[in-house]
Amino acid sequence: MAQLPSLRAFYYKPEWRLFPVYTVILLLLFHNFVVAYLNSSYLEQFISPAGVGTIYTIGAAVSVLLFLLISRVLQRVGNFKLTIAILVVNFIAVTGLAFAESLRLAIPLFLVFLIAIPFLIFNLDVFLEEAIGSDETATGSRRGLLLTLGSLVGALSPLAGGLILDASNGAFMYAYLVSAGTLIPIILILYIFLRGFSDPDYDEIDLFSAIRTFWVRQSMRNVFLAHFILQVFFMMTVIYMPLYITSNIGLSWTGFGIIMFFGGMAYVLFEYPIGIIADKYIGEKEMMAVGFLILALTLSWMSFLTTVSLVIWSIVMFVMRIGASLVETTTESYFFKYTKSNDAQVISFFRVTRPLAYVIGTLFAGFCLLYLPFNLLFVMMALLMIPAMFLTSKIVDSK
């Protein structure tokens, strides 16, 4: 009697290689975003609003330092074992957050969760680069497709988190339990499909060498800086936008989830077409600049909105995310056209922009809030988008 093929056998078929990797990435995004916009309010149960930024700064700073060791760890234990270990530790931390009732317990657990996410994103990037292979002409469309699917998850997740929070009368426990539960299928899928993953050769991370590599290659340097500024924007949307819109404007968590859902739909509609256009037609340069212009205008506009109209806020978020989708897709597409799965040093330095943006961004925001009203923080963030527009003008386009 013929034996049925194992599930893992499907992974090695070219048409199936991306499927398990895409699935775990999307589940990880839901795990993160279902609570991402709730985290700052969760922390406010234990510390002041000023202290919230400090916690993010500490977590991000530790992430930056640990990223310098990532290649050495990968060489010793491999990407599969490291990913599973981080997932298990993260599961324990997020489950603990659901039941934490004291500062002494909540803050260390939250720091573990905060530090784990950028490393998991990096680990899955290694799997993804290996699954995509060497056909760089399809990098933009394949990553654009992933970003589109991820954006759909990113649009639905805050809505789900807001609905869970309002349904539980403001109790954060259930949202964090849902987030923790999402890690279980991730671990199972990785074990089934990727436990035999063949690691590429990882370069030892040399910070100064990595910086020099970026600095001498003008286009890569400018894309790195553009991506960094985009991550500062994402930092602001995760930490300060929920606090501002729910506390200062007065929207409910369900209302906030609704406007973030409509904002997220801009990613769903635009990121995949942007990836195709970048691959086949005009490249990334022009779309990147237009994206930063839209971000600058909408952040400034948002600063002076006082209405509680869900329609108006949804329109603002939608237009703002059009700008972000242009920048995110083009920076990712441009960068990964020039990297391979064994470029752990370069990829890790690119991924360090996220925690680095949290370090510098929260310090910048905290300084601004010492002297400015909350709403003007978004004007200051808008001003950061302007130099990014000029950076894009010096990029050598891929088309």
Protein backbone atom coordinates (compact mmCIF):
# COMPACT_ATOMS: atom_id res chain seq x y z
CA MET A 1 0.00 0.00 0.00
CA ALA A 2 1.45 3.36 -1.04
CA GLN A 3 2.31 5.74 1.76
CA LEU A 4 0.87 9.23 1.82
CA PRO A 5 3.48 11.98 1.51
CA SER A 6 4.39 13.74 4.75
CA LEU A 7 3.33 17.32 5.32
CA ARG A 8 6.97 18.39 5.35
CA ALA A 9 7.42 16.97 1.85
CA PHE A 10 5.13 19.66 0.49
CA TYR A 11 7.45 22.34 1.84
CA TYR A 12 10.18 21.27 -0.54
CA LYS A 13 7.96 21.68 -3.59
CA PRO A 14 8.66 25.13 -5.08
CA GLU A 15 5.00 26.13 -5.15
CA TRP A 16 4.60 25.32 -1.43
CA ARG A 17 7.84 26.66 0.03
CA LEU A 18 6.38 30.04 0.94
CA PHE A 19 3.10 28.76 2.38
CA PRO A 20 4.20 27.71 5.91
CA VAL A 21 6.50 30.72 6.23
CA TYR A 22 3.75 33.12 5.18
CA THR A 23 1.37 31.45 7.62
CA VAL A 24 3.61 31.77 10.67
CA ILE A 25 4.48 35.37 9.80
CA LEU A 26 0.79 36.27 9.58
CA LEU A 27 0.03 34.53 12.86
CA LEU A 28 2.93 36.36 14.52
CA LEU A 29 1.57 39.66 13.23
CA PHE A 30 -1.82 38.90 14.79
CA HIS A 31 -0.11 37.88 18.03
CA ASN A 32 1.63 41.26 18.13
CA PHE A 33 -1.04 43.62 16.78
CA VAL A 34 -4.02 42.29 18.73
CA VAL A 35 -2.40 43.90 21.80
CA ALA A 36 0.06 46.38 20.24
CA TYR A 37 -2.27 49.36 20.54
CA LEU A 38 -3.40 48.28 24.02
CA ASN A 39 0.09 47.97 25.50
CA SER A 40 0.58 51.61 26.45
CA SER A 41 -2.79 51.70 28.24
CA TYR A 42 -2.00 48.36 29.90
CA LEU A 43 1.25 49.79 31.26
CA GLU A 44 -0.57 52.86 32.55
CA GLN A 45 -2.15 50.61 35.17
CA PHE A 46 1.26 50.36 36.82
CA ILE A 47 3.26 53.45 35.80
CA SER A 48 2.73 57.03 34.64
CA PRO A 49 2.38 57.92 30.93
CA ALA A 50 5.94 59.28 30.98
CA GLY A 51 7.12 55.94 32.35
CA VAL A 52 5.47 54.09 29.46
CA GLY A 53 7.92 55.64 27.00
CA THR A 54 10.79 54.77 29.32
CA ILE A 55 9.81 51.08 29.33
CA TYR A 56 9.74 51.03 25.54
CA THR A 57 13.13 52.76 25.46
CA ILE A 58 14.69 50.17 27.78
CA GLY A 59 13.25 47.23 25.86
CA ALA A 60 14.34 48.62 22.52
CA ALA A 61 17.85 49.43 23.78
CA VAL A 62 18.30 45.85 25.02
CA SER A 63 17.06 44.57 21.63
CA VAL A 64 19.64 46.67 19.81
CA LEU A 65 22.45 45.27 21.95
CA LEU A 66 21.27 41.67 21.59
CA PHE A 67 21.03 42.02 17.82
CA LEU A 68 24.80 42.34 17.76
CA LEU A 69 25.04 38.73 18.99
CA ILE A 70 22.40 37.19 16.75
CA SER A 71 24.73 35.70 14.13
CA ARG A 72 26.91 34.07 16.77
CA VAL A 73 23.86 32.43 18.35
CA LEU A 74 22.55 31.33 14.94
CA GLN A 75 25.87 29.66 14.16
CA ARG A 76 25.68 27.62 17.37
CA VAL A 77 22.02 26.60 17.63
CA GLY A 78 20.51 27.32 14.21
CA ASN A 79 17.55 29.44 13.21
CA PHE A 80 14.89 26.78 13.89
CA LYS A 81 15.93 26.03 17.48
CA LEU A 82 16.45 29.69 18.29
CA THR A 83 13.01 30.61 16.91
CA ILE A 84 11.26 27.87 18.90
CA ALA A 85 13.08 28.90 22.09
CA ILE A 86 12.08 32.55 21.71
CA LEU A 87 8.47 31.56 20.94
CA VAL A 88 8.23 29.46 24.10
CA VAL A 89 9.70 32.21 26.28
CA ASN A 90 7.39 34.74 24.66
CA PHE A 91 4.36 32.49 25.26
CA ILE A 92 5.19 32.34 28.97
CA ALA A 93 5.69 36.13 29.12
CA VAL A 94 2.44 37.07 27.36
CA THR A 95 0.41 34.54 29.38
CA GLY A 96 1.93 36.05 32.49
CA LEU A 97 0.90 39.54 31.36
CA ALA A 98 -2.72 38.38 31.27
CA PHE A 99 -2.63 37.65 35.00
CA ALA A 100 -0.06 40.17 36.26
CA GLU A 101 -1.37 42.40 39.03
CA SER A 102 1.79 44.16 40.19
CA LEU A 103 4.47 46.39 38.75
CA ARG A 104 7.18 43.94 39.84
CA LEU A 105 5.74 41.18 37.65
CA ALA A 106 4.17 43.10 34.75
CA ILE A 107 7.16 45.21 33.70
CA PRO A 108 9.75 42.37 33.37
CA LEU A 109 7.23 40.23 31.47
CA PHE A 110 6.39 43.10 29.16
CA LEU A 111 10.08 43.72 28.49
CA VAL A 112 10.51 40.06 27.48
CA PHE A 113 7.55 40.38 25.10
CA LEU A 114 8.88 43.66 23.70
CA ILE A 115 12.37 42.26 23.11
CA ALA A 116 11.14 38.97 21.61
CA ILE A 117 9.11 40.47 18.74
CA PRO A 118 11.93 42.04 16.65
CA PHE A 119 13.99 38.85 17.02
CA LEU A 120 11.11 36.69 15.86
CA ILE A 121 10.62 38.98 12.86
CA PHE A 122 14.31 38.60 12.06
CA ASN A 123 14.22 34.80 12.45
CA LEU A 124 11.23 34.53 10.13
CA ASP A 125 13.02 36.81 7.64
CA VAL A 126 15.78 34.19 7.41
CA PHE A 127 13.19 31.48 6.68
CA LEU A 128 11.50 33.74 4.13
CA GLU A 129 14.70 34.66 2.27
CA GLU A 130 15.58 30.97 1.98
CA ALA A 131 12.07 30.12 0.73
CA ILE A 132 12.04 32.93 -1.85
CA GLY A 133 15.36 31.78 -3.26
CA SER A 134 17.58 33.66 -5.66
CA ASP A 135 14.97 35.07 -8.09
CA GLU A 136 15.26 38.72 -7.08
CA THR A 137 13.05 39.87 -9.96
CA ALA A 138 10.07 38.64 -7.94
CA THR A 139 11.20 39.95 -4.55
CA GLY A 140 9.00 43.04 -4.66
CA SER A 141 5.83 41.19 -5.65
CA ARG A 142 6.38 38.32 -3.20
CA ARG A 143 7.11 40.64 -0.31
CA GLY A 144 4.33 42.93 -1.51
CA LEU A 145 1.92 39.99 -1.33
CA LEU A 146 3.11 39.17 2.18
CA LEU A 147 2.80 42.80 3.23
CA THR A 148 -0.73 42.89 1.79
CA LEU A 149 -1.80 39.78 3.69
CA GLY A 150 -0.02 41.08 6.77
CA SER A 151 -1.82 44.37 6.40
CA LEU A 152 -5.19 42.60 6.37
CA VAL A 153 -4.19 40.90 9.61
CA GLY A 154 -2.88 44.25 10.89
CA ALA A 155 -6.21 45.92 10.07
CA LEU A 156 -8.33 43.24 11.75
CA SER A 157 -6.13 42.75 14.83
CA PRO A 158 -6.60 46.19 16.49
CA LEU A 159 -10.33 45.93 15.80
CA ALA A 160 -10.37 42.51 17.47
CA GLY A 161 -8.31 43.84 20.39
CA GLY A 162 -10.64 46.83 20.88
CA LEU A 163 -13.75 44.65 20.73
CA ILE A 164 -12.27 42.19 23.24
CA LEU A 165 -11.32 45.03 25.60
CA ASP A 166 -14.73 46.72 25.46
CA ALA A 167 -16.56 43.38 25.75
CA SER A 168 -14.59 42.57 28.91
CA ASN A 169 -15.29 46.02 30.45
CA GLY A 170 -11.70 47.15 30.07
CA ALA A 171 -10.06 43.95 31.34
CA PHE A 172 -6.81 43.36 29.46
CA MET A 173 -6.56 39.69 30.44
CA TYR A 174 -8.56 38.23 27.56
CA ALA A 175 -6.72 40.17 24.85
CA TYR A 176 -3.36 38.92 26.14
CA LEU A 177 -4.64 35.35 26.40
CA VAL A 178 -5.74 35.50 22.75
CA SER A 179 -2.31 36.88 21.84
CA ALA A 180 -0.54 34.09 23.74
CA GLY A 181 -2.77 31.41 22.23
CA THR A 182 -1.75 32.46 18.73
CA LEU A 183 1.80 31.31 19.44
CA ILE A 184 0.72 27.66 19.77
CA PRO A 185 -0.10 27.10 16.06
CA ILE A 186 3.07 29.00 15.14
CA ILE A 187 5.19 26.53 17.10
CA LEU A 188 3.32 23.56 15.62
CA ILE A 189 3.68 24.77 12.00
CA LEU A 190 7.38 25.47 12.44
CA TYR A 191 7.92 22.03 13.96
CA ILE A 192 6.03 20.24 11.18
CA PHE A 193 7.47 22.09 8.19
CA LEU A 194 10.78 23.64 9.21
CA ARG A 195 12.45 21.45 11.84
CA GLY A 196 14.80 20.19 9.13
CA PHE A 197 15.69 23.71 7.99
CA SER A 198 19.17 23.88 6.49
CA ASP A 199 20.85 26.98 7.85
CA PRO A 200 22.86 29.15 5.48
CA ASP A 201 26.30 30.38 6.49
CA TYR A 202 25.82 33.29 8.87
CA ASP A 203 28.37 36.07 8.90
CA GLU A 204 29.58 37.20 12.29
CA ILE A 205 28.06 40.57 13.02
CA ASP A 206 30.66 43.30 13.13
CA LEU A 207 28.88 46.51 14.05
CA PHE A 208 31.46 48.81 12.55
CA SER A 209 31.72 46.71 9.41
CA ALA A 210 27.93 46.72 9.04
CA ILE A 211 27.78 50.48 9.49
CA ARG A 212 30.62 50.93 7.01
CA THR A 213 28.84 48.66 4.49
CA PHE A 214 25.76 50.83 4.64
CA TRP A 215 27.60 54.13 4.80
CA VAL A 216 29.77 53.65 1.71
CA ARG A 217 26.81 52.47 -0.37
CA GLN A 218 24.81 55.67 -0.64
CA SER A 219 21.57 54.12 -1.85
CA MET A 220 21.54 51.45 0.86
CA ARG A 221 22.40 54.06 3.48
CA ASN A 222 19.54 56.30 2.43
CA VAL A 223 17.08 53.40 2.28
CA PHE A 224 18.19 52.39 5.78
CA LEU A 225 17.62 55.93 7.07
CA ALA A 226 14.26 56.14 5.28
CA HIS A 227 13.21 52.84 6.82
CA PHE A 228 14.37 54.08 10.22
CA ILE A 229 12.18 57.20 9.95
CA LEU A 230 9.24 55.01 8.93
CA GLN A 231 9.81 52.92 12.06
CA VAL A 232 9.70 56.11 14.15
CA PHE A 233 6.28 56.77 12.59
CA PHE A 234 5.16 53.22 13.51
CA MET A 235 6.48 53.75 17.06
CA MET A 236 4.33 56.86 17.35
CA THR A 237 1.21 55.06 16.08
CA VAL A 238 1.68 52.19 18.54
CA ILE A 239 2.56 54.12 21.72
CA TYR A 240 1.18 57.64 21.48
CA MET A 241 -1.68 57.53 18.98
CA PRO A 242 -3.88 55.18 21.07
CA LEU A 243 -3.31 57.29 24.20
CA TYR A 244 -4.10 60.50 22.35
CA ILE A 245 -7.20 59.30 20.49
CA THR A 246 -8.79 57.42 23.40
CA SER A 247 -7.84 59.85 26.19
CA ASN A 248 -7.65 63.31 24.58
CA ILE A 249 -10.14 62.93 21.72
CA GLY A 250 -12.45 60.57 23.61
CA LEU A 251 -13.03 57.67 21.23
CA SER A 252 -13.85 54.26 22.73
CA TRP A 253 -11.52 51.32 22.18
CA THR A 254 -14.02 49.88 19.71
CA GLY A 255 -14.08 53.23 17.88
CA PHE A 256 -10.30 53.28 17.85
CA GLY A 257 -10.27 49.74 16.46
CA ILE A 258 -12.68 50.79 13.71
CA ILE A 259 -10.58 53.72 12.51
CA MET A 260 -7.42 51.61 12.64
CA PHE A 261 -9.21 48.94 10.61
CA PHE A 262 -10.00 51.45 7.85
CA GLY A 263 -6.45 52.76 8.05
CA GLY A 264 -5.12 49.23 7.71
CA MET A 265 -7.22 48.63 4.61
CA ALA A 266 -4.98 51.10 2.76
CA TYR A 267 -2.13 48.61 3.19
CA VAL A 268 -4.36 45.80 1.93
CA LEU A 269 -5.34 47.71 -1.20
CA PHE A 270 -2.02 49.29 -2.10
CA GLU A 271 1.02 47.31 -0.91
CA TYR A 272 0.84 44.40 -3.36
CA PRO A 273 0.32 46.67 -6.43
CA ILE A 274 3.15 48.87 -5.18
CA GLY A 275 5.43 45.81 -5.05
CA ILE A 276 4.55 44.87 -8.63
CA ILE A 277 5.09 48.43 -9.87
CA ALA A 278 8.48 48.52 -8.11
CA ASP A 279 9.49 45.23 -9.80
CA LYS A 280 8.28 45.90 -13.32
CA TYR A 281 7.86 49.59 -14.01
CA ILE A 282 9.28 52.58 -12.15
CA GLY A 283 11.27 51.14 -9.25
CA GLU A 284 11.05 52.42 -5.68
CA LYS A 285 12.47 55.95 -5.58
CA GLU A 286 9.50 58.12 -6.63
CA MET A 287 6.90 56.17 -4.65
CA MET A 288 9.04 56.38 -1.52
CA ALA A 289 9.19 60.18 -1.75
CA VAL A 290 5.44 60.53 -2.33
CA GLY A 291 4.81 58.29 0.68
CA PHE A 292 6.81 60.55 2.99
CA LEU A 293 4.99 63.62 1.65
CA ILE A 294 1.61 62.05 2.46
CA LEU A 295 2.79 61.13 5.95
CA ALA A 296 3.98 64.67 6.62
CA LEU A 297 0.68 66.21 5.51
CA THR A 298 -1.63 63.81 7.32
CA LEU A 299 0.30 63.86 10.60
CA SER A 300 0.10 67.67 10.58
CA TRP A 301 -3.61 67.55 9.80
CA MET A 302 -4.26 65.04 12.58
CA SER A 303 -2.72 67.34 15.17
CA PHE A 304 -5.59 69.82 14.89
CA LEU A 305 -8.53 67.42 14.63
CA THR A 306 -10.85 67.58 17.64
CA THR A 307 -13.89 65.79 16.22
CA VAL A 308 -15.08 62.41 17.50
CA SER A 309 -16.47 61.51 14.06
CA LEU A 310 -15.42 57.99 13.13
CA VAL A 311 -15.86 58.86 9.44
CA ILE A 312 -13.38 61.75 9.52
CA TRP A 313 -10.84 59.87 11.62
CA SER A 314 -11.15 56.84 9.33
CA ILE A 315 -10.44 59.00 6.28
CA VAL A 316 -7.38 60.52 7.95
CA MET A 317 -6.06 57.10 8.94
CA PHE A 318 -6.71 55.67 5.48
CA VAL A 319 -4.82 58.47 3.69
CA MET A 320 -2.01 58.33 6.26
CA ARG A 321 -1.60 54.60 5.69
CA ILE A 322 -1.43 55.10 1.93
CA GLY A 323 1.73 57.08 2.59
CA ALA A 324 3.06 54.46 4.99
CA SER A 325 2.33 51.63 2.54
CA LEU A 326 4.29 53.42 -0.18
CA VAL A 327 7.31 53.81 2.09
CA GLU A 328 7.15 50.36 3.70
CA THR A 329 6.84 48.38 0.48
CA THR A 330 9.49 50.34 -1.41
CA THR A 331 12.09 50.31 1.39
CA GLU A 332 11.58 46.56 1.99
CA SER A 333 11.62 45.79 -1.74
CA TYR A 334 14.75 47.84 -2.43
CA PHE A 335 16.68 46.43 0.50
CA PHE A 336 15.87 42.76 -0.06
CA LYS A 337 16.70 42.95 -3.76
CA TYR A 338 20.30 43.32 -2.64
CA THR A 339 20.45 40.71 0.16
CA LYS A 340 20.49 36.92 0.41
CA SER A 341 19.48 34.53 3.19
CA ASN A 342 23.09 34.31 4.43
CA ASP A 343 23.40 38.09 4.79
CA ALA A 344 22.48 37.82 8.48
CA GLN A 345 24.77 40.72 9.35
CA VAL A 346 23.15 43.08 6.87
CA ILE A 347 19.60 41.88 7.52
CA SER A 348 20.01 42.14 11.29
CA PHE A 349 21.36 45.68 10.93
CA PHE A 350 18.34 46.56 8.78
CA ARG A 351 15.98 45.00 11.31
CA VAL A 352 17.66 46.88 14.14
CA THR A 353 15.92 49.99 12.80
CA ARG A 354 12.74 48.95 14.62
CA PRO A 355 14.13 48.79 18.18
CA LEU A 356 16.50 51.68 17.43
CA ALA A 357 13.51 53.77 16.32
CA TYR A 358 11.81 52.99 19.63
CA VAL A 359 14.89 54.12 21.56
CA ILE A 360 15.39 57.39 19.70
CA GLY A 361 11.70 57.98 18.93
CA THR A 362 10.50 57.65 22.52
CA LEU A 363 13.31 59.91 23.76
CA PHE A 364 12.38 62.47 21.09
CA ALA A 365 8.66 62.20 21.93
CA GLY A 366 9.32 62.44 25.66
CA PHE A 367 11.38 65.60 25.14
CA CYS A 368 8.63 67.12 22.97
CA LEU A 369 5.93 66.36 25.55
CA LEU A 370 7.91 68.18 28.23
CA TYR A 371 7.40 71.46 26.37
CA LEU A 372 4.49 70.97 23.95
CA PRO A 373 0.82 70.00 24.18
CA PHE A 374 0.09 66.38 23.23
CA ASN A 375 -1.41 67.26 19.84
CA LEU A 376 1.72 69.10 18.67
CA LEU A 377 3.76 65.92 19.10
CA PHE A 378 2.32 64.82 15.75
CA VAL A 379 3.46 68.05 14.10
CA MET A 380 6.97 67.33 15.30
CA MET A 381 6.70 63.82 13.92
CA ALA A 382 5.53 65.27 10.61
CA LEU A 383 8.66 67.42 10.45
CA LEU A 384 10.77 64.25 10.61
CA MET A 385 9.22 63.07 7.34
CA ILE A 386 10.59 66.05 5.39
CA PRO A 387 14.32 65.13 5.45
CA ALA A 388 13.31 61.59 4.48
CA MET A 389 11.88 62.97 1.23
CA PHE A 390 15.27 64.44 0.36
CA LEU A 391 17.05 61.19 1.23
CA THR A 392 15.05 59.37 -1.42
CA SER A 393 16.23 61.78 -4.12
CA LYS A 394 19.78 60.35 -3.80
CA ILE A 395 18.77 56.71 -4.18
CA VAL A 396 19.83 54.98 -7.40
CA ASP A 397 16.54 53.51 -8.60
CA SER A 398 16.28 49.80 -9.33
CA LYS A 399 14.61 50.62 -12.67
